[in-house]
C-alpha atoms as a PDB file:
ATOM      1  CA  UNK A   1     -69.316 115.128 -42.509  1.00  0.00           C
ATOM      2  CA  UNK A   2     -67.819 113.413 -40.273  1.00  0.00           C
ATOM      3  CA  UNK A   3     -64.099 113.387 -39.555  1.00  0.00           C
ATOM      4  CA  UNK A   4     -63.347 109.787 -40.252  1.00  0.00           C
ATOM      5  CA  UNK A   5     -64.862 110.250 -43.548  1.00  0.00           C
ATOM      6  CA  UNK A   6     -63.240 113.491 -44.085  1.00  0.00           C
ATOM      7  CA  UNK A   7     -60.176 111.426 -43.627  1.00  0.00           C
ATOM      8  CA  UNK A   8     -61.661 108.558 -45.903  1.00  0.00           C
ATOM      9  CA  UNK A   9     -61.503 111.756 -48.911  1.00  0.00           C
ATOM     10  CA  UNK A  10     -58.262 113.315 -48.119  1.00  0.00           C
ATOM     11  CA  UNK A  11     -56.395 109.259 -48.880  1.00  0.00           C
ATOM     12  CA  UNK A  12     -58.543 108.904 -51.898  1.00  0.00           C
ATOM     13  CA  UNK A  13     -57.747 112.410 -52.903  1.00  0.00           C
ATOM     14  CA  UNK A  14     -54.094 111.883 -52.469  1.00  0.00           C
ATOM     15  CA  UNK A  15     -53.416 108.062 -54.147  1.00  0.00           C
ATOM     16  CA  UNK A  16     -55.832 109.462 -57.617  1.00  0.00           C
ATOM     17  CA  UNK A  17     -58.793 107.660 -57.020  1.00  0.00           C
ATOM     18  CA  UNK A  18     -61.330 110.213 -55.808  1.00  0.00           C
ATOM     19  CA  UNK A  19     -64.305 110.951 -57.716  1.00  0.00           C
ATOM     20  CA  UNK A  20     -65.506 113.977 -59.142  1.00  0.00           C
ATOM     21  CA  UNK A  21     -68.514 113.644 -56.678  1.00  0.00           C
ATOM     22  CA  UNK A  22     -66.039 113.436 -54.030  1.00  0.00           C
ATOM     23  CA  UNK A  23     -63.296 115.654 -54.652  1.00  0.00           C
ATOM     24  CA  UNK A  24     -66.503 118.544 -54.928  1.00  0.00           C
ATOM     25  CA  UNK A  25     -67.450 117.541 -51.571  1.00  0.00           C
ATOM     26  CA  UNK A  26     -64.502 117.445 -50.385  1.00  0.00           C
ATOM     27  CA  UNK A  27     -63.396 120.884 -52.261  1.00  0.00           C
ATOM     28  CA  UNK A  28     -66.292 122.048 -50.400  1.00  0.00           C
ATOM     29  CA  UNK A  29     -65.224 121.217 -47.383  1.00  0.00           C
ATOM     30  CA  UNK A  30     -61.693 122.297 -47.817  1.00  0.00           C
ATOM     31  CA  UNK A  31     -62.986 126.000 -48.828  1.00  0.00           C
ATOM     32  CA  UNK A  32     -65.432 126.407 -45.491  1.00  0.00           C
ATOM     33  CA  UNK A  33     -62.671 125.610 -43.638  1.00  0.00           C
ATOM     34  CA  UNK A  34     -60.049 128.363 -45.204  1.00  0.00           C
ATOM     35  CA  UNK A  35     -61.780 130.555 -44.922  1.00  0.00           C
ATOM     36  CA  UNK A  36     -62.395 130.333 -41.658  1.00  0.00           C
ATOM     37  CA  UNK A  37     -58.744 129.345 -40.757  1.00  0.00           C
ATOM     38  CA  UNK A  38     -56.570 131.230 -43.006  1.00  0.00           C
ATOM     39  CA  UNK A  39     -55.690 133.762 -40.526  1.00  0.00           C
ATOM     40  CA  UNK A  40     -54.484 131.182 -38.554  1.00  0.00           C
ATOM     41  CA  UNK A  41     -52.775 129.073 -40.482  1.00  0.00           C
ATOM     42  CA  UNK A  42     -49.107 130.958 -41.335  1.00  0.00           C
ATOM     43  CA  UNK A  43     -46.718 133.109 -39.607  1.00  0.00           C
ATOM     44  CA  UNK A  44     -46.114 134.683 -42.680  1.00  0.00           C
ATOM     45  CA  UNK A  45     -46.361 134.891 -47.067  1.00  0.00           C
ATOM     46  CA  UNK A  46     -42.850 133.546 -46.893  1.00  0.00           C
ATOM     47  CA  UNK A  47     -44.086 130.619 -44.889  1.00  0.00           C
ATOM     48  CA  UNK A  48     -47.491 130.409 -46.753  1.00  0.00           C
ATOM     49  CA  UNK A  49     -45.765 130.042 -49.991  1.00  0.00           C
ATOM     50  CA  UNK A  50     -42.897 127.617 -49.178  1.00  0.00           C
ATOM     51  CA  UNK A  51     -45.063 125.114 -47.485  1.00  0.00           C
ATOM     52  CA  UNK A  52     -47.368 125.524 -50.498  1.00  0.00           C
ATOM     53  CA  UNK A  53     -44.458 124.238 -52.340  1.00  0.00           C
ATOM     54  CA  UNK A  54     -44.245 121.425 -50.524  1.00  0.00           C
ATOM     55  CA  UNK A  55     -47.523 120.590 -50.446  1.00  0.00           C
ATOM     56  CA  UNK A  56     -47.702 120.096 -54.330  1.00  0.00           C
ATOM     57  CA  UNK A  57     -45.025 118.646 -54.573  1.00  0.00           C
ATOM     58  CA  UNK A  58     -45.932 115.922 -52.439  1.00  0.00           C
ATOM     59  CA  UNK A  59     -49.348 115.998 -54.270  1.00  0.00           C
ATOM     60  CA  UNK A  60     -47.931 115.943 -57.851  1.00  0.00           C
ATOM     61  CA  UNK A  61     -45.486 112.926 -56.905  1.00  0.00           C
ATOM     62  CA  UNK A  62     -48.555 110.768 -57.227  1.00  0.00           C
ATOM     63  CA  UNK A  63     -48.800 111.480 -60.877  1.00  0.00           C
ATOM     64  CA  UNK A  64     -52.633 112.405 -60.374  1.00  0.00           C
ATOM     65  CA  UNK A  65     -52.036 116.266 -62.519  1.00  0.00           C
ATOM     66  CA  UNK A  66     -49.264 118.150 -63.365  1.00  0.00           C
ATOM     67  CA  UNK A  67     -50.691 120.696 -61.924  1.00  0.00           C
ATOM     68  CA  UNK A  68     -52.388 122.427 -58.439  1.00  0.00           C
ATOM     69  CA  UNK A  69     -53.514 125.416 -58.208  1.00  0.00           C
ATOM     70  CA  UNK A  70     -53.087 127.276 -54.482  1.00  0.00           C
ATOM     71  CA  UNK A  71     -56.395 127.814 -53.721  1.00  0.00           C
ATOM     72  CA  UNK A  72     -56.169 124.166 -53.602  1.00  0.00           C
ATOM     73  CA  UNK A  73     -53.783 123.441 -51.926  1.00  0.00           C
ATOM     74  CA  UNK A  74     -53.926 125.601 -49.428  1.00  0.00           C
ATOM     75  CA  UNK A  75     -57.215 124.245 -48.876  1.00  0.00           C
ATOM     76  CA  UNK A  76     -55.986 120.187 -49.003  1.00  0.00           C
ATOM     77  CA  UNK A  77     -53.823 121.530 -46.213  1.00  0.00           C
ATOM     78  CA  UNK A  78     -56.047 123.784 -44.289  1.00  0.00           C
ATOM     79  CA  UNK A  79     -58.262 120.707 -43.369  1.00  0.00           C
ATOM     80  CA  UNK A  80     -55.062 118.389 -43.240  1.00  0.00           C
ATOM     81  CA  UNK A  81     -53.796 120.680 -39.993  1.00  0.00           C
ATOM     82  CA  UNK A  82     -57.615 121.085 -38.412  1.00  0.00           C
ATOM     83  CA  UNK A  83     -57.913 117.550 -38.559  1.00  0.00           C
ATOM     84  CA  UNK A  84     -54.333 116.229 -36.657  1.00  0.00           C
ATOM     85  CA  UNK A  85     -53.694 114.464 -40.184  1.00  0.00           C
ATOM     86  CA  UNK A  86     -50.516 117.100 -41.351  1.00  0.00           C
ATOM     87  CA  UNK A  87     -48.218 116.068 -39.204  1.00  0.00           C
ATOM     88  CA  UNK A  88     -49.664 112.186 -40.830  1.00  0.00           C
ATOM     89  CA  UNK A  89     -48.507 113.509 -44.881  1.00  0.00           C
ATOM     90  CA  UNK A  90     -45.778 115.448 -43.649  1.00  0.00           C
ATOM     91  CA  UNK A  91     -43.377 113.904 -40.885  1.00  0.00           C
ATOM     92  CA  UNK A  92     -39.624 114.939 -41.666  1.00  0.00           C
ATOM     93  CA  UNK A  93     -40.656 117.359 -44.843  1.00  0.00           C
ATOM     94  CA  UNK A  94     -42.326 120.680 -43.126  1.00  0.00           C
ATOM     95  CA  UNK A  95     -39.729 122.978 -40.004  1.00  0.00           C
ATOM     96  CA  UNK A  96     -40.558 122.118 -36.374  1.00  0.00           C
ATOM     97  CA  UNK A  97     -39.988 125.348 -34.975  1.00  0.00           C
ATOM     98  CA  UNK A  98     -38.188 124.231 -31.218  1.00  0.00           C
ATOM     99  CA  UNK A  99     -39.628 125.687 -28.072  1.00  0.00           C
ATOM    100  CA  UNK A 100     -36.555 128.150 -26.521  1.00  0.00           C
ATOM    101  CA  UNK A 101     -35.505 126.866 -23.205  1.00  0.00           C
ATOM    102  CA  UNK A 102     -34.541 129.085 -20.353  1.00  0.00           C
ATOM    103  CA  UNK A 103     -31.258 129.074 -18.694  1.00  0.00           C
ATOM    104  CA  UNK A 104     -30.785 129.273 -15.171  1.00  0.00           C
ATOM    105  CA  UNK A 105     -27.575 129.554 -13.303  1.00  0.00           C
ATOM    106  CA  UNK A 106     -26.741 130.440  -9.954  1.00  0.00           C
ATOM    107  CA  UNK A 107     -23.270 130.348  -7.637  1.00  0.00           C
ATOM    108  CA  UNK A 108     -23.050 129.152  -4.669  1.00  0.00           C
ATOM    109  CA  UNK A 109     -21.200 131.289  -2.272  1.00  0.00           C
ATOM    110  CA  UNK A 110     -17.310 130.708  -2.593  1.00  0.00           C
ATOM    111  CA  UNK A 111     -18.400 130.039  -6.184  1.00  0.00           C
ATOM    112  CA  UNK A 112     -17.253 131.213  -9.155  1.00  0.00           C
ATOM    113  CA  UNK A 113     -18.686 130.881 -12.935  1.00  0.00           C
ATOM    114  CA  UNK A 114     -17.578 130.933 -16.413  1.00  0.00           C
ATOM    115  CA  UNK A 115     -20.541 130.965 -19.328  1.00  0.00           C
ATOM    116  CA  UNK A 116     -20.798 131.190 -22.732  1.00  0.00           C
ATOM    117  CA  UNK A 117     -23.960 132.277 -24.452  1.00  0.00           C
ATOM    118  CA  UNK A 118     -25.269 131.433 -27.884  1.00  0.00           C
ATOM    119  CA  UNK A 119     -23.680 134.882 -29.665  1.00  0.00           C
ATOM    120  CA  UNK A 120     -20.573 134.689 -28.189  1.00  0.00           C
ATOM    121  CA  UNK A 121     -21.139 136.538 -25.254  1.00  0.00           C
ATOM    122  CA  UNK A 122     -18.673 135.676 -22.128  1.00  0.00           C
ATOM    123  CA  UNK A 123     -20.170 135.845 -18.845  1.00  0.00           C
ATOM    124  CA  UNK A 124     -17.789 135.472 -15.523  1.00  0.00           C
ATOM    125  CA  UNK A 125     -20.314 135.285 -12.752  1.00  0.00           C
ATOM    126  CA  UNK A 126     -19.206 135.871  -9.319  1.00  0.00           C
ATOM    127  CA  UNK A 127     -20.111 134.366  -5.885  1.00  0.00           C
ATOM    128  CA  UNK A 128     -23.583 134.579  -4.466  1.00  0.00           C
ATOM    129  CA  UNK A 129     -24.982 135.191  -8.060  1.00  0.00           C
ATOM    130  CA  UNK A 130     -28.329 134.098 -10.821  1.00  0.00           C
ATOM    131  CA  UNK A 131     -28.382 135.016 -14.154  1.00  0.00           C
ATOM    132  CA  UNK A 132     -31.038 133.637 -16.863  1.00  0.00           C
ATOM    133  CA  UNK A 133     -30.606 133.681 -20.130  1.00  0.00           C
ATOM    134  CA  UNK A 134     -32.326 131.962 -23.290  1.00  0.00           C
ATOM    135  CA  UNK A 135     -30.582 128.885 -25.074  1.00  0.00           C
ATOM    136  CA  UNK A 136     -30.473 131.104 -28.471  1.00  0.00           C
ATOM    137  CA  UNK A 137     -31.597 134.730 -29.314  1.00  0.00           C
ATOM    138  CA  UNK A 138     -34.028 135.620 -31.265  1.00  0.00           C
ATOM    139  CA  UNK A 139     -35.476 138.512 -32.050  1.00  0.00           C
ATOM    140  CA  UNK A 140     -34.835 142.047 -32.391  1.00  0.00           C
ATOM    141  CA  UNK A 141     -32.773 142.163 -28.626  1.00  0.00           C
ATOM    142  CA  UNK A 142     -30.867 139.768 -26.577  1.00  0.00           C
ATOM    143  CA  UNK A 143     -32.560 140.028 -23.592  1.00  0.00           C
ATOM    144  CA  UNK A 144     -30.517 137.955 -20.331  1.00  0.00           C
ATOM    145  CA  UNK A 145     -31.092 138.568 -15.916  1.00  0.00           C
ATOM    146  CA  UNK A 146     -29.064 138.937 -13.526  1.00  0.00           C
ATOM    147  CA  UNK A 147     -29.086 138.924  -9.751  1.00  0.00           C
ATOM    148  CA  UNK A 148     -25.747 139.223  -8.065  1.00  0.00           C
ATOM    149  CA  UNK A 149     -22.661 140.034  -9.740  1.00  0.00           C
ATOM    150  CA  UNK A 150     -20.963 139.624 -13.531  1.00  0.00           C
ATOM    151  CA  UNK A 151     -18.530 140.047 -16.187  1.00  0.00           C
ATOM    152  CA  UNK A 152     -20.154 140.804 -19.291  1.00  0.00           C
ATOM    153  CA  UNK A 153     -17.426 140.522 -22.537  1.00  0.00           C
ATOM    154  CA  UNK A 154     -20.591 141.239 -25.007  1.00  0.00           C
ATOM    155  CA  UNK A 155     -20.701 139.688 -28.706  1.00  0.00           C
ATOM    156  CA  UNK A 156     -20.821 142.730 -31.130  1.00  0.00           C
ATOM    157  CA  UNK A 157     -23.989 142.679 -33.457  1.00  0.00           C
ATOM    158  CA  UNK A 158     -25.125 146.024 -34.302  1.00  0.00           C
ATOM    159  CA  UNK A 159     -28.409 144.876 -35.685  1.00  0.00           C
ATOM    160  CA  UNK A 160     -29.584 143.564 -31.927  1.00  0.00           C
ATOM    161  CA  UNK A 161     -28.066 145.192 -28.554  1.00  0.00           C
ATOM    162  CA  UNK A 162     -27.506 143.161 -25.843  1.00  0.00           C
ATOM    163  CA  UNK A 163     -29.516 143.944 -22.908  1.00  0.00           C
ATOM    164  CA  UNK A 164     -28.818 143.074 -18.676  1.00  0.00           C
ATOM    165  CA  UNK A 165     -32.289 143.418 -16.404  1.00  0.00           C
ATOM    166  CA  UNK A 166     -31.030 143.650 -12.957  1.00  0.00           C
ATOM    167  CA  UNK A 167     -34.134 144.542 -11.448  1.00  0.00           C
ATOM    168  CA  UNK A 168     -35.363 148.432 -12.204  1.00  0.00           C
ATOM    169  CA  UNK A 169     -31.893 149.105 -14.103  1.00  0.00           C
ATOM    170  CA  UNK A 170     -31.693 147.709 -17.955  1.00  0.00           C
ATOM    171  CA  UNK A 171     -28.122 147.835 -19.023  1.00  0.00           C
ATOM    172  CA  UNK A 172     -27.890 148.030 -23.002  1.00  0.00           C
ATOM    173  CA  UNK A 173     -24.852 147.569 -25.077  1.00  0.00           C
ATOM    174  CA  UNK A 174     -23.947 146.389 -28.734  1.00  0.00           C
ATOM    175  CA  UNK A 175     -20.537 145.254 -28.148  1.00  0.00           C
ATOM    176  CA  UNK A 176     -18.723 146.289 -25.254  1.00  0.00           C
ATOM    177  CA  UNK A 177     -16.903 145.134 -22.261  1.00  0.00           C
ATOM    178  CA  UNK A 178     -18.452 145.288 -18.572  1.00  0.00           C
ATOM    179  CA  UNK A 179     -18.836 144.691 -15.221  1.00  0.00           C
ATOM    180  CA  UNK A 180     -22.918 144.626 -13.374  1.00  0.00           C
ATOM    181  CA  UNK A 181     -23.050 144.056  -8.937  1.00  0.00           C
ATOM    182  CA  UNK A 182     -26.858 144.290  -8.165  1.00  0.00           C
ATOM    183  CA  UNK A 183     -26.520 141.810  -5.566  1.00  0.00           C
ATOM    184  CA  UNK A 184     -29.863 142.389  -3.779  1.00  0.00           C
ATOM    185  CA  UNK A 185     -28.875 143.612  -0.481  1.00  0.00           C
ATOM    186  CA  UNK A 186     -27.038 146.065  -1.798  1.00  0.00           C
ATOM    187  CA  UNK A 187     -28.877 150.002  -1.673  1.00  0.00           C
ATOM    188  CA  UNK A 188     -26.704 150.313  -5.196  1.00  0.00           C
ATOM    189  CA  UNK A 189     -26.394 149.163  -8.550  1.00  0.00           C
ATOM    190  CA  UNK A 190     -23.318 149.358 -10.305  1.00  0.00           C
ATOM    191  CA  UNK A 191     -22.240 149.174 -13.806  1.00  0.00           C
ATOM    192  CA  UNK A 192     -18.474 149.641 -14.386  1.00  0.00           C
ATOM    193  CA  UNK A 193     -17.199 150.434 -18.616  1.00  0.00           C
ATOM    194  CA  UNK A 194     -13.778 148.542 -19.518  1.00  0.00           C
ATOM    195  CA  UNK A 195     -14.742 148.843 -22.955  1.00  0.00           C
ATOM    196  CA  UNK A 196     -16.958 150.681 -25.639  1.00  0.00           C
ATOM    197  CA  UNK A 197     -19.916 152.317 -24.452  1.00  0.00           C
ATOM    198  CA  UNK A 198     -23.078 151.594 -22.563  1.00  0.00           C
ATOM    199  CA  UNK A 199     -26.183 152.955 -22.126  1.00  0.00           C
ATOM    200  CA  UNK A 200     -27.970 152.567 -18.245  1.00  0.00           C
ATOM    201  CA  UNK A 201     -31.730 153.061 -17.807  1.00  0.00           C
ATOM    202  CA  UNK A 202     -34.154 153.070 -15.153  1.00  0.00           C
ATOM    203  CA  UNK A 203     -38.140 154.734 -15.532  1.00  0.00           C
ATOM    204  CA  UNK A 204     -37.106 157.877 -14.437  1.00  0.00           C
ATOM    205  CA  UNK A 205     -33.900 158.303 -16.769  1.00  0.00           C
ATOM    206  CA  UNK A 206     -30.984 157.140 -18.405  1.00  0.00           C
ATOM    207  CA  UNK A 207     -27.560 157.480 -18.713  1.00  0.00           C
ATOM    208  CA  UNK A 208     -24.492 156.314 -21.123  1.00  0.00           C
ATOM    209  CA  UNK A 209     -21.223 155.450 -19.672  1.00  0.00           C
ATOM    210  CA  UNK A 210     -17.599 155.112 -21.622  1.00  0.00           C
ATOM    211  CA  UNK A 211     -15.103 153.317 -20.260  1.00  0.00           C
ATOM    212  CA  UNK A 212     -13.197 153.848 -16.665  1.00  0.00           C
ATOM    213  CA  UNK A 213     -16.616 155.731 -15.875  1.00  0.00           C
ATOM    214  CA  UNK A 214     -19.312 154.363 -13.188  1.00  0.00           C
ATOM    215  CA  UNK A 215     -22.769 153.919 -12.841  1.00  0.00           C
ATOM    216  CA  UNK A 216     -24.731 153.977 -10.208  1.00  0.00           C
ATOM    217  CA  UNK A 217     -28.381 153.323  -9.483  1.00  0.00           C
ATOM    218  CA  UNK A 218     -29.962 153.825  -6.044  1.00  0.00           C
ATOM    219  CA  UNK A 219     -32.678 151.911  -4.858  1.00  0.00           C
ATOM    220  CA  UNK A 220     -34.427 154.315  -2.423  1.00  0.00           C
ATOM    221  CA  UNK A 221     -33.880 157.866  -4.762  1.00  0.00           C
ATOM    222  CA  UNK A 222     -34.368 155.845  -7.994  1.00  0.00           C
ATOM    223  CA  UNK A 223     -32.047 158.264  -9.165  1.00  0.00           C
ATOM    224  CA  UNK A 224     -28.688 157.463 -11.572  1.00  0.00           C
ATOM    225  CA  UNK A 225     -25.260 158.916 -11.163  1.00  0.00           C
ATOM    226  CA  UNK A 226     -22.111 158.513 -12.684  1.00  0.00           C
ATOM    227  CA  UNK A 227     -17.919 158.783 -12.090  1.00  0.00           C
ATOM    228  CA  UNK A 228     -14.782 158.233 -13.316  1.00  0.00           C
ATOM    229  CA  UNK A 229     -13.299 155.045 -11.802  1.00  0.00           C
ATOM    230  CA  UNK A 230      -9.886 153.072 -11.259  1.00  0.00           C
ATOM    231  CA  UNK A 231     -11.441 150.032 -13.980  1.00  0.00           C
ATOM    232  CA  UNK A 232      -8.567 147.459 -12.749  1.00  0.00           C
ATOM    233  CA  UNK A 233      -9.962 147.613  -8.746  1.00  0.00           C
ATOM    234  CA  UNK A 234     -13.379 146.600  -9.603  1.00  0.00           C
ATOM    235  CA  UNK A 235     -12.061 144.424 -12.436  1.00  0.00           C
ATOM    236  CA  UNK A 236      -9.821 142.073  -9.850  1.00  0.00           C
ATOM    237  CA  UNK A 237     -12.059 139.552  -8.595  1.00  0.00           C
ATOM    238  CA  UNK A 238     -12.720 137.884 -11.896  1.00  0.00           C
ATOM    239  CA  UNK A 239      -8.736 137.198 -11.737  1.00  0.00           C
ATOM    240  CA  UNK A 240      -9.291 135.777  -8.029  1.00  0.00           C
ATOM    241  CA  UNK A 241      -7.551 139.075  -6.474  1.00  0.00           C
ATOM    242  CA  UNK A 242      -9.781 140.772  -3.547  1.00  0.00           C
ATOM    243  CA  UNK A 243      -8.770 144.623  -2.917  1.00  0.00           C
ATOM    244  CA  UNK A 244     -10.028 147.134   0.041  1.00  0.00           C
ATOM    245  CA  UNK A 245      -9.979 150.690  -0.353  1.00  0.00           C
ATOM    246  CA  UNK A 246     -10.027 151.647   3.034  1.00  0.00           C
ATOM    247  CA  UNK A 247     -13.008 149.667   3.276  1.00  0.00           C
ATOM    248  CA  UNK A 248     -15.379 149.379   6.904  1.00  0.00           C
ATOM    249  CA  UNK A 249     -14.114 145.579   8.360  1.00  0.00           C
ATOM    250  CA  UNK A 250     -18.034 145.446   7.865  1.00  0.00           C
ATOM    251  CA  UNK A 251     -18.128 145.364   4.014  1.00  0.00           C
ATOM    252  CA  UNK A 252     -14.907 143.351   3.749  1.00  0.00           C
ATOM    253  CA  UNK A 253     -16.261 140.289   5.906  1.00  0.00           C
ATOM    254  CA  UNK A 254     -19.113 140.521   3.773  1.00  0.00           C
ATOM    255  CA  UNK A 255     -16.786 140.559   0.708  1.00  0.00           C
ATOM    256  CA  UNK A 256     -15.079 137.825   2.572  1.00  0.00           C
ATOM    257  CA  UNK A 257     -18.631 135.710   2.973  1.00  0.00           C
ATOM    258  CA  UNK A 258     -19.682 135.949  -0.557  1.00  0.00           C
ATOM    259  CA  UNK A 259     -16.127 134.311  -1.782  1.00  0.00           C
ATOM    260  CA  UNK A 260     -15.384 131.744   0.762  1.00  0.00           C
ATOM    261  CA  UNK A 261     -18.725 130.875   1.424  1.00  0.00           C
ATOM    262  CA  UNK A 262     -18.684 131.102   5.532  1.00  0.00           C
ATOM    263  CA  UNK A 263     -20.272 132.907   8.612  1.00  0.00           C
ATOM    264  CA  UNK A 264     -18.780 136.056  10.333  1.00  0.00           C
ATOM    265  CA  UNK A 265     -19.905 136.079  13.986  1.00  0.00           C
ATOM    266  CA  UNK A 266     -18.826 139.273  15.288  1.00  0.00           C
ATOM    267  CA  UNK A 267     -19.148 139.852  19.620  1.00  0.00           C
ATOM    268  CA  UNK A 268     -18.910 143.442  19.325  1.00  0.00           C
ATOM    269  CA  UNK A 269     -20.581 145.084  16.826  1.00  0.00           C
ATOM    270  CA  UNK A 270     -18.100 148.835  16.533  1.00  0.00           C
ATOM    271  CA  UNK A 271     -15.408 146.131  15.655  1.00  0.00           C
ATOM    272  CA  UNK A 272     -17.299 146.685  11.801  1.00  0.00           C
ATOM    273  CA  UNK A 273     -16.362 150.446  12.078  1.00  0.00           C
ATOM    274  CA  UNK A 274     -12.387 149.815  10.984  1.00  0.00           C
ATOM    275  CA  UNK A 275     -10.780 150.183   7.937  1.00  0.00           C
ATOM    276  CA  UNK A 276      -8.557 147.723   6.013  1.00  0.00           C
ATOM    277  CA  UNK A 277      -7.049 148.412   2.969  1.00  0.00           C
ATOM    278  CA  UNK A 278      -5.291 145.657   1.611  1.00  0.00           C
ATOM    279  CA  UNK A 279      -4.518 143.230  -1.677  1.00  0.00           C
ATOM    280  CA  UNK A 280      -5.221 139.702  -1.891  1.00  0.00           C
ATOM    281  CA  UNK A 281      -4.229 137.972  -4.511  1.00  0.00           C
ATOM    282  CA  UNK A 282      -5.724 133.901  -4.215  1.00  0.00           C
ATOM    283  CA  UNK A 283      -5.182 133.539  -0.780  1.00  0.00           C
ATOM    284  CA  UNK A 284      -6.529 130.852   1.782  1.00  0.00           C
ATOM    285  CA  UNK A 285      -9.499 132.566   4.108  1.00  0.00           C
ATOM    286  CA  UNK A 286      -7.046 131.624   6.795  1.00  0.00           C
ATOM    287  CA  UNK A 287      -4.061 134.023   5.792  1.00  0.00           C
ATOM    288  CA  UNK A 288      -6.477 136.519   5.279  1.00  0.00           C
ATOM    289  CA  UNK A 289      -7.601 136.692   8.802  1.00  0.00           C
ATOM    290  CA  UNK A 290      -3.813 135.876   9.970  1.00  0.00           C
ATOM    291  CA  UNK A 291      -2.834 139.550   7.909  1.00  0.00           C
ATOM    292  CA  UNK A 292      -6.348 141.468   9.184  1.00  0.00           C
ATOM    293  CA  UNK A 293      -5.661 140.549  13.262  1.00  0.00           C
ATOM    294  CA  UNK A 294      -1.508 140.954  12.412  1.00  0.00           C
ATOM    295  CA  UNK A 295      -2.659 144.298  11.025  1.00  0.00           C
ATOM    296  CA  UNK A 296      -5.389 145.285  13.608  1.00  0.00           C
ATOM    297  CA  UNK A 297      -4.188 144.719  17.541  1.00  0.00           C
ATOM    298  CA  UNK A 298      -6.843 143.682  19.531  1.00  0.00           C
ATOM    299  CA  UNK A 299      -8.291 141.152  17.027  1.00  0.00           C
ATOM    300  CA  UNK A 300      -8.963 137.597  17.750  1.00  0.00           C
ATOM    301  CA  UNK A 301     -10.341 135.633  15.036  1.00  0.00           C
ATOM    302  CA  UNK A 302     -11.896 131.578  15.360  1.00  0.00           C
ATOM    303  CA  UNK A 303     -13.160 128.381  13.586  1.00  0.00           C
ATOM    304  CA  UNK A 304     -16.331 127.188  15.032  1.00  0.00           C
ATOM    305  CA  UNK A 305     -16.761 124.401  12.051  1.00  0.00           C
ATOM    306  CA  UNK A 306     -15.657 124.735   8.777  1.00  0.00           C
ATOM    307  CA  UNK A 307     -18.442 128.020   7.644  1.00  0.00           C
ATOM    308  CA  UNK A 308     -18.446 129.829  10.474  1.00  0.00           C
ATOM    309  CA  UNK A 309     -16.462 131.941  12.397  1.00  0.00           C
ATOM    310  CA  UNK A 310     -15.896 134.276  15.142  1.00  0.00           C
ATOM    311  CA  UNK A 311     -14.269 137.149  15.439  1.00  0.00           C
ATOM    312  CA  UNK A 312     -13.815 138.789  19.093  1.00  0.00           C
ATOM    313  CA  UNK A 313     -12.311 141.901  20.366  1.00  0.00           C
ATOM    314  CA  UNK A 314     -11.310 145.279  20.039  1.00  0.00           C
ATOM    315  CA  UNK A 315     -10.026 147.282  16.697  1.00  0.00           C
ATOM    316  CA  UNK A 316      -8.962 150.948  16.130  1.00  0.00           C
ATOM    317  CA  UNK A 317      -7.506 152.644  13.125  1.00  0.00           C
END
């Protein structure tokens, strides 16, 4: 039979005008198609039963017959799917599974972003960072990808672990809050725990972290280590606070570039060896630079344009 002939017979079957001979031809074709494709028609037995009930109800509404055997229902359904005719009969009746969209959020230098995921997890994305996550979480896990730095306050779900993938490192939690620093230019990936328990794992090893502990993965050695820390100093950035504790000036300038979206031009490379200890609470960049040159005599700065700063002179601790 041609596809058009089968469609005509199917219409007759549904409106009750089909002859016994035509019905026999259709059922013979139905069973052959069902036998060939039954593994691909349904996702699971539950869906098979649900769709069968809907189809039986539809055909029963034609008042042609009060009861239909499941074999005929399933066969007819398979036929409709095979012909592309299923959508015509069951428009707005069967479930339509929408694909899960992947969302990517990126912050530029000098920009931060607060995101709430579908499960209620809150993410604070630091400057120069990218996070990828699904529009909704399905399956046994909740997985996101991070490059840069972010603070996660994870919604608790004991049946569905939350996993952050950062290159070679996977951080797994059920419901807790912690910070992940995985900027690609850094040699280390740092996971700092505020509340709850966190598992940090690579291909080579894994460890558990508790509050006020930091796990560090070394990209070169592939080793993971942990230590006790003061969690507050690692989370200041969320509140617009920059804290430097005996930090090399080269690291200080790198942080300022991220925070304010500028580039530093340094005339004397030895400048970067100076050390800075300071805390800045939502300060303007020029105020921070004034503070640095005041503390480090011999340093001078100049804005070459709004996004480029020249630092010159000498610096001694």
